PDB file of all heavy atoms in Angstrom:
ATOM      1  N   SER A   1     187.918 -30.927  65.662  1.00  0.00           N
ATOM      2  CA  SER A   1     187.312 -30.794  64.350  1.00  0.00           C
ATOM      3  C   SER A   1     186.732 -32.121  63.890  1.00  0.00           C
ATOM      4  O   SER A   1     187.321 -33.180  64.126  1.00  0.00           O
ATOM      5  CB  SER A   1     188.362 -30.310  63.332  1.00  0.00           C
ATOM      6  OG  SER A   1     187.823 -30.239  62.029  1.00  0.00           O
ATOM      7  N   ILE A   2     185.547 -32.066  63.270  1.00  0.00           N
ATOM      8  CA  ILE A   2     185.004 -33.227  62.580  1.00  0.00           C
ATOM      9  C   ILE A   2     184.746 -32.837  61.131  1.00  0.00           C
ATOM     10  O   ILE A   2     184.629 -31.659  60.792  1.00  0.00           O
ATOM     11  CB  ILE A   2     183.721 -33.770  63.245  1.00  0.00           C
ATOM     12  CG1 ILE A   2     182.598 -32.723  63.224  1.00  0.00           C
ATOM     13  CG2 ILE A   2     184.008 -34.215  64.657  1.00  0.00           C
ATOM     14  CD1 ILE A   2     181.282 -33.242  63.769  1.00  0.00           C
ATOM     15  N   LYS A   3     184.659 -33.818  60.277  1.00  0.00           N
ATOM     16  CA  LYS A   3     184.610 -33.561  58.839  1.00  0.00           C
ATOM     17  C   LYS A   3     183.261 -33.039  58.366  1.00  0.00           C
ATOM     18  O   LYS A   3     183.202 -32.146  57.524  1.00  0.00           O
ATOM     19  CB  LYS A   3     184.977 -34.826  58.061  1.00  0.00           C
ATOM     20  CG  LYS A   3     186.425 -35.255  58.226  1.00  0.00           C
ATOM     21  CD  LYS A   3     187.369 -34.239  57.592  1.00  0.00           C
ATOM     22  CE  LYS A   3     188.820 -34.698  57.683  1.00  0.00           C
ATOM     23  NZ  LYS A   3     189.756 -33.669  57.140  1.00  0.00           N
ATOM     24  N   GLU A   4     182.165 -33.602  58.873  1.00  0.00           N
ATOM     25  CA  GLU A   4     180.877 -33.238  58.300  1.00  0.00           C
ATOM     26  C   GLU A   4     179.731 -33.529  59.261  1.00  0.00           C
ATOM     27  O   GLU A   4     179.875 -34.294  60.219  1.00  0.00           O
ATOM     28  CB  GLU A   4     180.646 -33.984  56.977  1.00  0.00           C
ATOM     29  CG  GLU A   4     180.631 -35.496  57.132  1.00  0.00           C
ATOM     30  CD  GLU A   4     180.527 -36.204  55.801  1.00  0.00           C
ATOM     31  OE1 GLU A   4     180.589 -35.539  54.759  1.00  0.00           O
ATOM     32  OE2 GLU A   4     180.372 -37.444  55.813  1.00  0.00           O
ATOM     33  N   CYS A   5     178.596 -32.890  58.981  1.00  0.00           N
ATOM     34  CA  CYS A   5     177.342 -33.186  59.655  1.00  0.00           C
ATOM     35  C   CYS A   5     176.219 -32.703  58.750  1.00  0.00           C
ATOM     36  O   CYS A   5     176.467 -32.192  57.651  1.00  0.00           O
ATOM     37  CB  CYS A   5     177.267 -32.543  61.041  1.00  0.00           C
ATOM     38  SG  CYS A   5     176.796 -30.803  61.020  1.00  0.00           S
ATOM     39  N   SER A   6     175.000 -32.839  59.198  1.00  0.00           N
ATOM     40  CA  SER A   6     173.846 -32.370  58.448  1.00  0.00           C
ATOM     41  C   SER A   6     173.361 -31.038  59.011  1.00  0.00           C
ATOM     42  O   SER A   6     173.439 -30.788  60.223  1.00  0.00           O
ATOM     43  CB  SER A   6     172.717 -33.404  58.532  1.00  0.00           C
ATOM     44  OG  SER A   6     171.492 -32.852  58.085  1.00  0.00           O
ATOM     45  N   MET A   7     172.828 -30.191  58.136  1.00  0.00           N
ATOM     46  CA  MET A   7     172.205 -28.946  58.584  1.00  0.00           C
ATOM     47  C   MET A   7     171.078 -29.223  59.587  1.00  0.00           C
ATOM     48  O   MET A   7     170.794 -28.399  60.455  1.00  0.00           O
ATOM     49  CB  MET A   7     171.645 -28.195  57.373  1.00  0.00           C
ATOM     50  CG  MET A   7     171.270 -26.765  57.626  1.00  0.00           C
ATOM     51  SD  MET A   7     172.701 -25.690  57.896  1.00  0.00           S
ATOM     52  CE  MET A   7     173.442 -25.666  56.254  1.00  0.00           C
ATOM     53  N   LEU A   8     170.472 -30.393  59.478  1.00  0.00           N
ATOM     54  CA  LEU A   8     169.362 -30.739  60.365  1.00  0.00           C
ATOM     55  C   LEU A   8     169.835 -31.023  61.790  1.00  0.00           C
ATOM     56  O   LEU A   8     169.008 -31.130  62.701  1.00  0.00           O
ATOM     57  CB  LEU A   8     168.606 -31.952  59.822  1.00  0.00           C
ATOM     58  CG  LEU A   8     168.072 -31.830  58.393  1.00  0.00           C
ATOM     59  CD1 LEU A   8     167.273 -33.067  58.022  1.00  0.00           C
ATOM     60  CD2 LEU A   8     167.223 -30.575  58.223  1.00  0.00           C
ATOM     61  N   ASP A   9     171.144 -31.132  62.010  1.00  0.00           N
ATOM     62  CA  ASP A   9     171.685 -31.399  63.346  1.00  0.00           C
ATOM     63  C   ASP A   9     171.782 -30.148  64.220  1.00  0.00           C
ATOM     64  O   ASP A   9     171.904 -30.250  65.440  1.00  0.00           O
ATOM     65  CB  ASP A   9     173.079 -32.024  63.243  1.00  0.00           C
ATOM     66  CG  ASP A   9     173.083 -33.388  62.578  1.00  0.00           C
ATOM     67  OD1 ASP A   9     172.021 -34.027  62.529  1.00  0.00           O
ATOM     68  OD2 ASP A   9     174.151 -33.810  62.085  1.00  0.00           O
ATOM     69  N   HIS A  10     171.734 -28.971  63.600  1.00  0.00           N
ATOM     70  CA  HIS A  10     172.053 -27.753  64.354  1.00  0.00           C
ATOM     71  C   HIS A  10     171.089 -27.499  65.512  1.00  0.00           C
ATOM     72  O   HIS A  10     171.513 -27.192  66.630  1.00  0.00           O
ATOM     73  CB  HIS A  10     172.070 -26.548  63.415  1.00  0.00           C
ATOM     74  CG  HIS A  10     173.222 -26.518  62.463  1.00  0.00           C
ATOM     75  ND1 HIS A  10     174.322 -27.346  62.571  1.00  0.00           N
ATOM     76  CD2 HIS A  10     173.453 -25.744  61.363  1.00  0.00           C
ATOM     77  CE1 HIS A  10     175.170 -27.075  61.603  1.00  0.00           C
ATOM     78  NE2 HIS A  10     174.672 -26.117  60.857  1.00  0.00           N
ATOM     79  N   ALA A  11     169.784 -27.619  65.267  1.00  0.00           N
ATOM     80  CA  ALA A  11     168.813 -27.311  66.330  1.00  0.00           C
ATOM     81  C   ALA A  11     169.008 -28.224  67.531  1.00  0.00           C
ATOM     82  O   ALA A  11     168.952 -27.781  68.687  1.00  0.00           O
ATOM     83  CB  ALA A  11     167.384 -27.424  65.788  1.00  0.00           C
ATOM     84  N   SER A  12     169.261 -29.505  67.262  1.00  0.00           N
ATOM     85  CA  SER A  12     169.485 -30.439  68.365  1.00  0.00           C
ATOM     86  C   SER A  12     170.777 -30.131  69.103  1.00  0.00           C
ATOM     87  O   SER A  12     170.862 -30.304  70.335  1.00  0.00           O
ATOM     88  CB  SER A  12     169.522 -31.877  67.826  1.00  0.00           C
ATOM     89  OG  SER A  12     168.247 -32.254  67.346  1.00  0.00           O
ATOM     90  N   THR A  13     171.789 -29.671  68.380  1.00  0.00           N
ATOM     91  CA  THR A  13     173.056 -29.294  69.014  1.00  0.00           C
ATOM     92  C   THR A  13     172.840 -28.098  69.944  1.00  0.00           C
ATOM     93  O   THR A  13     173.344 -28.073  71.074  1.00  0.00           O
ATOM     94  CB  THR A  13     174.111 -28.966  67.951  1.00  0.00           C
ATOM     95  OG1 THR A  13     174.311 -30.102  67.102  1.00  0.00           O
ATOM     96  CG2 THR A  13     175.440 -28.590  68.593  1.00  0.00           C
ATOM     97  N   PHE A  14     172.081 -27.099  69.484  1.00  0.00           N
ATOM     98  CA  PHE A  14     171.810 -25.936  70.339  1.00  0.00           C
ATOM     99  C   PHE A  14     171.026 -26.344  71.586  1.00  0.00           C
ATOM    100  O   PHE A  14     171.303 -25.865  72.690  1.00  0.00           O
ATOM    101  CB  PHE A  14     171.029 -24.881  69.552  1.00  0.00           C
ATOM    102  CG  PHE A  14     171.714 -24.396  68.307  1.00  0.00           C
ATOM    103  CD1 PHE A  14     170.989 -24.026  67.186  1.00  0.00           C
ATOM    104  CD2 PHE A  14     173.095 -24.311  68.244  1.00  0.00           C
ATOM    105  CE1 PHE A  14     171.608 -23.586  66.039  1.00  0.00           C
ATOM    106  CE2 PHE A  14     173.739 -23.866  67.094  1.00  0.00           C
ATOM    107  CZ  PHE A  14     172.989 -23.500  65.988  1.00  0.00           C
ATOM    108  N   ALA A  15     170.052 -27.240  71.411  1.00  0.00           N
ATOM    109  CA  ALA A  15     169.274 -27.713  72.560  1.00  0.00           C
ATOM    110  C   ALA A  15     170.163 -28.460  73.550  1.00  0.00           C
ATOM    111  O   ALA A  15     170.034 -28.302  74.768  1.00  0.00           O
ATOM    112  CB  ALA A  15     168.134 -28.609  72.080  1.00  0.00           C
ATOM    113  N   GLN A  16     171.085 -29.264  73.030  1.00  0.00           N
ATOM    114  CA  GLN A  16     172.002 -30.037  73.876  1.00  0.00           C
ATOM    115  C   GLN A  16     172.830 -29.123  74.769  1.00  0.00           C
ATOM    116  O   GLN A  16     173.095 -29.439  75.937  1.00  0.00           O
ATOM    117  CB  GLN A  16     172.923 -30.882  72.995  1.00  0.00           C
ATOM    118  CG  GLN A  16     173.909 -31.766  73.742  1.00  0.00           C
ATOM    119  CD  GLN A  16     173.257 -33.006  74.322  1.00  0.00           C
ATOM    120  OE1 GLN A  16     172.237 -33.463  73.813  1.00  0.00           O
ATOM    121  NE2 GLN A  16     173.841 -33.551  75.364  1.00  0.00           N
ATOM    122  N   ILE A  17     173.224 -27.976  74.243  1.00  0.00           N
ATOM    123  CA  ILE A  17     174.027 -27.030  75.018  1.00  0.00           C
ATOM    124  C   ILE A  17     173.309 -26.623  76.299  1.00  0.00           C
ATOM    125  O   ILE A  17     173.926 -26.494  77.367  1.00  0.00           O
ATOM    126  CB  ILE A  17     174.359 -25.790  74.151  1.00  0.00           C
ATOM    127  CG1 ILE A  17     175.401 -26.152  73.087  1.00  0.00           C
ATOM    128  CG2 ILE A  17     174.842 -24.628  75.014  1.00  0.00           C
ATOM    129  CD1 ILE A  17     175.635 -25.064  72.061  1.00  0.00           C
ATOM    130  N   PHE A  18     171.987 -26.462  76.226  1.00  0.00           N
ATOM    131  CA  PHE A  18     171.218 -26.003  77.380  1.00  0.00           C
ATOM    132  C   PHE A  18     170.607 -27.135  78.188  1.00  0.00           C
ATOM    133  O   PHE A  18     170.019 -26.905  79.241  1.00  0.00           O
ATOM    134  CB  PHE A  18     170.114 -25.049  76.911  1.00  0.00           C
ATOM    135  CG  PHE A  18     170.640 -23.707  76.485  1.00  0.00           C
ATOM    136  CD1 PHE A  18     170.961 -23.476  75.162  1.00  0.00           C
ATOM    137  CD2 PHE A  18     170.838 -22.691  77.406  1.00  0.00           C
ATOM    138  CE1 PHE A  18     171.461 -22.243  74.757  1.00  0.00           C
ATOM    139  CE2 PHE A  18     171.334 -21.459  77.015  1.00  0.00           C
ATOM    140  CZ  PHE A  18     171.650 -21.234  75.688  1.00  0.00           C
ATOM    141  N   GLY A  19     170.728 -28.352  77.692  1.00  0.00           N
ATOM    142  CA  GLY A  19     170.245 -29.487  78.462  1.00  0.00           C
ATOM    143  C   GLY A  19     168.796 -29.853  78.219  1.00  0.00           C
ATOM    144  O   GLY A  19     168.178 -30.505  79.064  1.00  0.00           O
ATOM    145  N   PHE A  20     168.232 -29.440  77.086  1.00  0.00           N
ATOM    146  CA  PHE A  20     166.869 -29.891  76.771  1.00  0.00           C
ATOM    147  C   PHE A  20     166.872 -30.625  75.432  1.00  0.00           C
ATOM    148  O   PHE A  20     167.817 -30.524  74.650  1.00  0.00           O
ATOM    149  CB  PHE A  20     165.859 -28.742  76.777  1.00  0.00           C
ATOM    150  CG  PHE A  20     166.075 -27.677  75.733  1.00  0.00           C
ATOM    151  CD1 PHE A  20     165.538 -27.798  74.464  1.00  0.00           C
ATOM    152  CD2 PHE A  20     166.785 -26.514  76.044  1.00  0.00           C
ATOM    153  CE1 PHE A  20     165.715 -26.807  73.513  1.00  0.00           C
ATOM    154  CE2 PHE A  20     166.968 -25.519  75.101  1.00  0.00           C
ATOM    155  CZ  PHE A  20     166.436 -25.672  73.830  1.00  0.00           C
ATOM    156  N   GLU A  21     165.811 -31.377  75.185  1.00  0.00           N
ATOM    157  CA  GLU A  21     165.721 -32.164  73.967  1.00  0.00           C
ATOM    158  C   GLU A  21     164.967 -31.408  72.879  1.00  0.00           C
ATOM    159  O   GLU A  21     164.074 -30.624  73.161  1.00  0.00           O
ATOM    160  CB  GLU A  21     164.986 -33.490  74.243  1.00  0.00           C
ATOM    161  CG  GLU A  21     165.763 -34.456  75.106  1.00  0.00           C
ATOM    162  CD  GLU A  21     165.042 -35.790  75.211  1.00  0.00           C
ATOM    163  OE1 GLU A  21     165.124 -36.578  74.245  1.00  0.00           O
ATOM    164  OE2 GLU A  21     164.388 -36.025  76.228  1.00  0.00           O
ATOM    165  N   PHE A  22     165.367 -31.680  71.654  1.00  0.00           N
ATOM    166  CA  PHE A  22     164.648 -31.144  70.502  1.00  0.00           C
ATOM    167  C   PHE A  22     164.043 -32.343  69.786  1.00  0.00           C
ATOM    168  O   PHE A  22     164.642 -32.926  68.888  1.00  0.00           O
ATOM    169  CB  PHE A  22     165.603 -30.368  69.595  1.00  0.00           C
ATOM    170  CG  PHE A  22     164.898 -29.405  68.683  1.00  0.00           C
ATOM    171  CD1 PHE A  22     164.633 -28.117  69.090  1.00  0.00           C
ATOM    172  CD2 PHE A  22     164.479 -29.799  67.421  1.00  0.00           C
ATOM    173  CE1 PHE A  22     163.964 -27.225  68.261  1.00  0.00           C
ATOM    174  CE2 PHE A  22     163.814 -28.931  66.589  1.00  0.00           C
ATOM    175  CZ  PHE A  22     163.559 -27.638  67.006  1.00  0.00           C
ATOM    176  N   LYS A  23     162.839 -32.726  70.199  1.00  0.00           N
ATOM    177  CA  LYS A  23     162.283 -34.020  69.818  1.00  0.00           C
ATOM    178  C   LYS A  23     161.740 -34.068  68.400  1.00  0.00           C
ATOM    179  O   LYS A  23     161.724 -35.126  67.779  1.00  0.00           O
ATOM    180  CB  LYS A  23     161.176 -34.411  70.799  1.00  0.00           C
ATOM    181  CG  LYS A  23     161.658 -34.609  72.229  1.00  0.00           C
ATOM    182  CD  LYS A  23     160.506 -34.970  73.151  1.00  0.00           C
ATOM    183  CE  LYS A  23     160.982 -35.161  74.580  1.00  0.00           C
ATOM    184  NZ  LYS A  23     159.865 -35.499  75.501  1.00  0.00           N
ATOM    185  N   ASN A  24     161.268 -32.936  67.862  1.00  0.00           N
ATOM    186  CA  ASN A  24     160.579 -32.966  66.577  1.00  0.00           C
ATOM    187  C   ASN A  24     161.502 -32.833  65.375  1.00  0.00           C
ATOM    188  O   ASN A  24     161.078 -33.012  64.244  1.00  0.00           O
ATOM    189  CB  ASN A  24     159.513 -31.865  66.530  1.00  0.00           C
ATOM    190  CG  ASN A  24     158.395 -32.116  67.526  1.00  0.00           C
ATOM    191  OD1 ASN A  24     158.106 -33.260  67.851  1.00  0.00           O
ATOM    192  ND2 ASN A  24     157.792 -31.058  68.034  1.00  0.00           N
ATOM    193  N   GLY A  25     162.753 -32.492  65.610  1.00  0.00           N
ATOM    194  CA  GLY A  25     163.697 -32.373  64.508  1.00  0.00           C
ATOM    195  C   GLY A  25     164.157 -33.730  64.008  1.00  0.00           C
ATOM    196  O   GLY A  25     164.069 -34.740  64.713  1.00  0.00           O
ATOM    197  N   LYS A  26     164.661 -33.751  62.790  1.00  0.00           N
ATOM    198  CA  LYS A  26     165.147 -34.989  62.174  1.00  0.00           C
ATOM    199  C   LYS A  26     166.635 -35.203  62.379  1.00  0.00           C
ATOM    200  O   LYS A  26     167.158 -36.256  62.041  1.00  0.00           O
ATOM    201  CB  LYS A  26     164.838 -34.972  60.676  1.00  0.00           C
ATOM    202  CG  LYS A  26     163.361 -34.797  60.343  1.00  0.00           C
ATOM    203  CD  LYS A  26     162.519 -35.895  60.992  1.00  0.00           C
ATOM    204  CE  LYS A  26     161.053 -35.709  60.669  1.00  0.00           C
ATOM    205  NZ  LYS A  26     160.192 -36.680  61.368  1.00  0.00           N
ATOM    206  N   GLY A  27     167.316 -34.202  62.927  1.00  0.00           N
ATOM    207  CA  GLY A  27     168.754 -34.332  63.142  1.00  0.00           C
ATOM    208  C   GLY A  27     169.082 -34.837  64.529  1.00  0.00           C
ATOM    209  O   GLY A  27     168.205 -35.163  65.330  1.00  0.00           O
TER     210      GLY A  27
END
């Protein structure tokens, strides 16, 4: 568990799962 993150991090987290980058997001 971690305490907090930004909503803007979600897309990059999903991309990380599959091994690709989400370059245009701010998270």
